[in-house]
């Protein structure tokens, strides 16, 4: 997709952060928008900011609800006539030791971060094929490249998105599809994800800080703006990139994993231990 003008993009998690930034960037390029999120008020604000020059539809949506996602995909095509770009962006965070997190905690994050991506991809893929050209963008994370302590649920979901999307891209190439796919690995982006994260009490015991302090520390590491992330993602779509890294921290971590594929784990754990001792 070399241009977004007069195309239609469907974006989940569009009420704030990267989803909103993508919507506004695409609106500026003359792309029509189908926006979804659980936050109805934030979604309405994004739609208003997009302006009247393009067609915008909104849907209050839980991406973990398979039936609802498929219904939304059909409604997008009914409202817009076609869809050309799908961005599965909605996601949540979870922190805690493996021993302390419950099975329900893991199901919660996988239902949203992984199954939400699977549903969004499969629901829209036939419509992208019918349009004659299209692109699927799935948001993983730099934590889908490098594992971190206390983040097993988040890591598992984002590694799963990475594997799913890389295989999807190969499927599309093997079958000669007019649709392509890109996996995105953001580093620290200034969004609401830290404030909305589930943080188990085991984090405090492992790090020597409170859950609130741990969230604040995480927020201080969010150095890249959502708008810069959106620009990088859309440039990756135009260039048909297989993988998009966002932010200097993402590039640094990716390089570290390439150079030190197992030793990096000791480095990360060592850094966290040193901070606990301060």
Protein backbone atom coordinates (compact mmCIF):
# COMPACT_ATOMS: atom_id res chain seq x y z
CA UNK A 1 0.00 0.00 0.00
CA UNK A 2 1.85 3.05 -1.26
CA UNK A 3 -1.04 5.40 -0.56
CA UNK A 4 -3.84 5.59 2.00
CA UNK A 5 -5.94 8.18 0.19
CA UNK A 6 -9.56 7.06 -0.30
CA UNK A 7 -8.80 3.73 1.37
CA UNK A 8 -10.43 2.45 4.55
CA UNK A 9 -8.54 1.44 7.70
CA UNK A 10 -9.92 -0.50 10.67
CA UNK A 11 -8.10 0.13 13.94
CA UNK A 12 -8.63 -1.43 17.37
CA UNK A 13 -7.55 0.34 20.56
CA UNK A 14 -8.30 3.64 18.81
CA UNK A 15 -9.43 5.61 21.87
CA UNK A 16 -5.90 6.67 22.82
CA UNK A 17 -2.19 6.08 22.35
CA UNK A 18 -0.88 4.49 19.17
CA UNK A 19 -4.39 3.70 17.91
CA UNK A 20 -5.48 7.33 18.10
CA UNK A 21 -2.21 8.56 16.58
CA UNK A 22 -2.62 6.15 13.66
CA UNK A 23 -6.20 7.31 13.12
CA UNK A 24 -5.18 10.97 13.00
CA UNK A 25 -2.22 10.30 10.69
CA UNK A 26 -4.39 8.29 8.32
CA UNK A 27 -7.13 10.94 8.40
CA UNK A 28 -4.54 13.49 7.35
CA UNK A 29 -3.76 11.27 4.37
CA UNK A 30 -7.42 11.11 3.35
CA UNK A 31 -8.03 7.59 4.64
CA UNK A 32 -11.52 6.69 5.88
CA UNK A 33 -11.64 5.15 9.35
CA UNK A 34 -13.44 2.37 11.21
CA UNK A 35 -12.42 2.75 14.85
CA UNK A 36 -13.01 0.38 17.76
CA UNK A 37 -12.28 0.41 21.49
CA UNK A 38 -13.89 -0.41 24.83
CA UNK A 39 -13.54 3.25 25.85
CA UNK A 40 -16.55 4.87 24.19
CA UNK A 41 -15.70 8.40 25.37
CA UNK A 42 -12.11 8.21 24.14
CA UNK A 43 -13.30 6.69 20.88
CA UNK A 44 -15.70 9.59 20.30
CA UNK A 45 -12.88 12.04 20.97
CA UNK A 46 -10.63 10.33 18.42
CA UNK A 47 -13.43 10.44 15.84
CA UNK A 48 -13.97 14.16 16.48
CA UNK A 49 -10.24 14.88 16.16
CA UNK A 50 -10.10 13.01 12.84
CA UNK A 51 -12.26 15.75 11.31
CA UNK A 52 -15.13 15.86 8.83
CA UNK A 53 -13.08 15.46 5.65
CA UNK A 54 -13.23 11.65 5.83
CA UNK A 55 -15.83 9.04 6.75
CA UNK A 56 -15.44 7.79 10.34
CA UNK A 57 -17.43 5.02 12.01
CA UNK A 58 -16.95 3.83 15.59
CA UNK A 59 -17.75 0.67 17.54
CA UNK A 60 -17.50 -0.07 21.24
CA UNK A 61 -15.71 -3.41 21.09
CA UNK A 62 -14.06 -6.02 23.29
CA UNK A 63 -11.47 -7.70 21.03
CA UNK A 64 -11.60 -10.82 23.23
CA UNK A 65 -15.19 -11.38 22.05
CA UNK A 66 -14.83 -13.45 18.86
CA UNK A 67 -18.42 -13.03 17.71
CA UNK A 68 -18.31 -9.28 18.26
CA UNK A 69 -15.07 -8.90 16.27
CA UNK A 70 -16.47 -10.83 13.31
CA UNK A 71 -19.65 -8.80 13.47
CA UNK A 72 -17.65 -5.57 13.51
CA UNK A 73 -15.66 -6.64 10.44
CA UNK A 74 -18.84 -7.28 8.50
CA UNK A 75 -20.29 -3.95 9.66
CA UNK A 76 -17.17 -2.08 8.55
CA UNK A 77 -17.57 -3.39 5.01
CA UNK A 78 -21.31 -2.64 5.08
CA UNK A 79 -20.59 0.94 6.18
CA UNK A 80 -17.56 1.66 4.01
CA UNK A 81 -17.95 -0.67 1.04
CA UNK A 82 -14.47 -2.16 1.51
CA UNK A 83 -11.54 -2.29 3.92
CA UNK A 84 -7.86 -2.13 2.96
CA UNK A 85 -5.83 -1.79 6.17
CA UNK A 86 -6.41 -3.54 9.49
CA UNK A 87 -4.43 -2.62 12.60
CA UNK A 88 -4.82 -5.00 15.54
CA UNK A 89 -3.52 -2.62 18.16
CA UNK A 90 -5.62 -3.17 21.30
CA UNK A 91 -3.67 -4.66 24.20
CA UNK A 92 -3.15 -4.85 27.95
CA UNK A 93 -0.23 -5.50 30.31
CA UNK A 94 0.24 -7.92 33.20
CA UNK A 95 3.09 -8.20 35.68
CA UNK A 96 3.84 -10.77 38.36
CA UNK A 97 5.88 -13.90 39.05
CA UNK A 98 4.83 -17.13 37.37
CA UNK A 99 4.21 -18.69 40.77
CA UNK A 100 1.85 -15.91 41.82
CA UNK A 101 -0.16 -15.28 38.67
CA UNK A 102 -3.35 -17.30 38.30
CA UNK A 103 -4.55 -19.27 35.31
CA UNK A 104 -7.27 -16.64 34.93
CA UNK A 105 -4.60 -13.92 34.73
CA UNK A 106 -2.96 -15.74 31.82
CA UNK A 107 -6.30 -16.37 30.11
CA UNK A 108 -7.21 -12.68 30.47
CA UNK A 109 -4.09 -11.37 28.76
CA UNK A 110 -4.00 -14.06 26.06
CA UNK A 111 -7.68 -13.48 25.23
CA UNK A 112 -6.99 -9.81 24.54
CA UNK A 113 -3.39 -9.63 23.30
CA UNK A 114 -3.26 -12.84 21.28
CA UNK A 115 -6.76 -14.05 20.51
CA UNK A 116 -7.88 -10.48 19.82
CA UNK A 117 -5.20 -10.34 17.11
CA UNK A 118 -6.21 -13.73 15.70
CA UNK A 119 -9.88 -12.76 15.58
CA UNK A 120 -9.12 -9.38 14.01
CA UNK A 121 -6.88 -10.95 11.37
CA UNK A 122 -9.20 -13.78 10.41
CA UNK A 123 -12.37 -11.66 10.50
CA UNK A 124 -10.95 -9.06 8.13
CA UNK A 125 -8.74 -11.20 5.88
CA UNK A 126 -11.53 -12.28 3.48
CA UNK A 127 -12.61 -8.64 3.15
CA UNK A 128 -9.05 -7.53 2.41
CA UNK A 129 -8.79 -10.23 -0.24
CA UNK A 130 -12.11 -9.10 -1.73
CA UNK A 131 -10.81 -5.53 -1.96
CA UNK A 132 -7.99 -6.75 -4.23
CA UNK A 133 -5.21 -5.37 -2.03
CA UNK A 134 -4.68 -4.91 1.67
CA UNK A 135 -2.42 -5.02 4.68
CA UNK A 136 -2.64 -6.50 8.18
CA UNK A 137 -0.64 -4.78 10.94
CA UNK A 138 -0.36 -6.68 14.22
CA UNK A 139 1.11 -5.04 17.31
CA UNK A 140 3.54 -7.21 19.21
CA UNK A 141 6.16 -5.53 21.43
CA UNK A 142 9.90 -5.47 21.93
CA UNK A 143 8.91 -7.94 24.68
CA UNK A 144 7.94 -10.22 21.82
CA UNK A 145 11.67 -10.22 20.95
CA UNK A 146 13.25 -10.27 24.42
CA UNK A 147 11.78 -11.81 27.57
CA UNK A 148 11.73 -9.92 30.86
CA UNK A 149 11.36 -11.08 34.45
CA UNK A 150 7.90 -10.62 36.00
CA UNK A 151 6.32 -10.32 32.53
CA UNK A 152 5.64 -13.95 31.59
CA UNK A 153 2.02 -13.37 30.58
CA UNK A 154 2.80 -10.28 28.53
CA UNK A 155 5.85 -11.93 26.96
CA UNK A 156 3.85 -15.05 26.08
CA UNK A 157 1.12 -13.02 24.40
CA UNK A 158 3.53 -10.84 22.41
CA UNK A 159 5.76 -13.72 21.32
CA UNK A 160 2.58 -15.44 20.15
CA UNK A 161 1.59 -12.40 18.09
CA UNK A 162 5.03 -12.34 16.53
CA UNK A 163 4.95 -16.02 15.56
CA UNK A 164 1.39 -15.78 14.27
CA UNK A 165 2.11 -12.69 12.14
CA UNK A 166 5.39 -13.94 10.70
CA UNK A 167 3.68 -17.18 9.67
CA UNK A 168 0.72 -15.23 8.28
CA UNK A 169 3.07 -13.17 6.10
CA UNK A 170 4.60 -16.36 4.69
CA UNK A 171 1.17 -17.90 4.08
CA UNK A 172 0.13 -14.82 2.09
CA UNK A 173 3.28 -14.94 -0.01
CA UNK A 174 3.03 -18.69 -0.58
CA UNK A 175 -0.56 -18.39 -1.82
CA UNK A 176 0.09 -15.35 -4.01
CA UNK A 177 -2.27 -13.15 -2.02
CA UNK A 178 -2.68 -9.45 -2.74
CA UNK A 179 -2.66 -8.94 1.05
CA UNK A 180 0.50 -8.47 3.12
CA UNK A 181 1.30 -8.37 6.84
CA UNK A 182 3.65 -6.53 9.19
CA UNK A 183 4.55 -7.27 12.79
CA UNK A 184 5.28 -4.21 14.94
CA UNK A 185 7.59 -4.23 17.97
CA UNK A 186 7.33 -0.96 19.90
CA UNK A 187 9.69 -0.11 22.72
CA UNK A 188 8.52 2.32 25.39
CA UNK A 189 5.66 4.38 23.94
CA UNK A 190 3.94 7.07 26.02
CA UNK A 191 0.49 5.46 26.27
CA UNK A 192 -1.90 4.51 29.10
CA UNK A 193 -0.80 0.86 29.16
CA UNK A 194 1.25 1.16 32.38
CA UNK A 195 -1.60 2.82 34.27
CA UNK A 196 -4.09 0.20 33.05
CA UNK A 197 -1.81 -2.78 33.73
CA UNK A 198 -2.61 -5.55 36.20
CA UNK A 199 0.28 -5.69 38.68
CA UNK A 200 0.37 -8.60 41.10
CA UNK A 201 1.63 -8.14 44.67
CA UNK A 202 4.52 -10.47 43.85
CA UNK A 203 6.14 -7.63 41.89
CA UNK A 204 6.67 -5.67 45.08
CA UNK A 205 8.24 -8.66 46.81
CA UNK A 206 10.57 -9.35 43.88
CA UNK A 207 11.66 -5.76 43.27
CA UNK A 208 11.45 -4.23 46.71
CA UNK A 209 9.03 -1.55 45.52
CA UNK A 210 5.27 -1.07 45.67
CA UNK A 211 3.01 -1.81 42.71
CA UNK A 212 2.46 1.93 42.27
CA UNK A 213 6.20 2.61 42.29
CA UNK A 214 6.77 -0.19 39.78
CA UNK A 215 4.16 1.33 37.44
CA UNK A 216 5.74 4.79 37.83
CA UNK A 217 9.18 3.35 37.06
CA UNK A 218 7.78 1.68 33.96
CA UNK A 219 6.16 4.94 32.83
CA UNK A 220 9.51 6.73 33.07
CA UNK A 221 10.85 4.34 30.43
CA UNK A 222 8.18 5.35 27.90
CA UNK A 223 10.21 7.74 25.77
CA UNK A 224 8.68 7.59 22.29
CA UNK A 225 5.53 9.55 21.39
CA UNK A 226 2.49 7.77 19.92
CA UNK A 227 2.67 10.07 16.89
CA UNK A 228 6.25 9.02 16.13
CA UNK A 229 5.18 5.38 16.53
CA UNK A 230 2.30 5.94 14.09
CA UNK A 231 4.61 7.55 11.52
CA UNK A 232 7.02 4.63 11.77
CA UNK A 233 4.25 2.04 11.41
CA UNK A 234 2.70 3.66 8.36
CA UNK A 235 6.11 4.05 6.74
CA UNK A 236 6.61 0.33 7.34
CA UNK A 237 3.29 -0.44 5.62
CA UNK A 238 4.22 1.72 2.63
CA UNK A 239 7.55 -0.11 2.37
CA UNK A 240 5.90 -3.50 3.02
CA UNK A 241 8.23 -4.25 5.94
CA UNK A 242 7.99 -7.65 7.60
CA UNK A 243 9.05 -6.26 10.97
CA UNK A 244 8.94 -2.72 12.36
CA UNK A 245 10.93 -1.72 15.46
CA UNK A 246 9.88 1.52 17.16
CA UNK A 247 12.15 3.61 19.36
CA UNK A 248 15.87 3.55 20.18
CA UNK A 249 15.22 1.19 23.10
CA UNK A 250 13.61 -1.34 20.77
CA UNK A 251 16.58 -1.21 18.41
CA UNK A 252 19.03 -1.55 21.33
CA UNK A 253 17.20 -4.52 22.85
CA UNK A 254 16.89 -6.24 19.47
CA UNK A 255 20.64 -5.83 18.92
CA UNK A 256 21.40 -7.16 22.40
CA UNK A 257 19.31 -10.29 21.79
CA UNK A 258 21.02 -10.89 18.44
CA UNK A 259 24.49 -10.54 19.99
CA UNK A 260 23.74 -12.26 23.31
CA UNK A 261 20.80 -14.60 22.67
CA UNK A 262 20.86 -16.16 26.16
CA UNK A 263 23.29 -14.01 28.15
CA UNK A 264 20.97 -11.00 27.84
CA UNK A 265 18.70 -12.66 30.42
CA UNK A 266 21.46 -12.54 33.05
CA UNK A 267 22.11 -8.90 32.20
CA UNK A 268 18.46 -7.91 32.62
CA UNK A 269 18.12 -9.82 35.89
CA UNK A 270 21.36 -8.30 37.16
CA UNK A 271 20.16 -4.78 36.42
CA UNK A 272 16.91 -5.40 38.28
CA UNK A 273 18.78 -6.84 41.29
CA UNK A 274 21.05 -3.79 41.41
CA UNK A 275 18.05 -1.47 41.42
CA UNK A 276 16.44 -3.47 44.23
CA UNK A 277 19.54 -2.93 46.32
CA UNK A 278 19.44 0.86 46.04
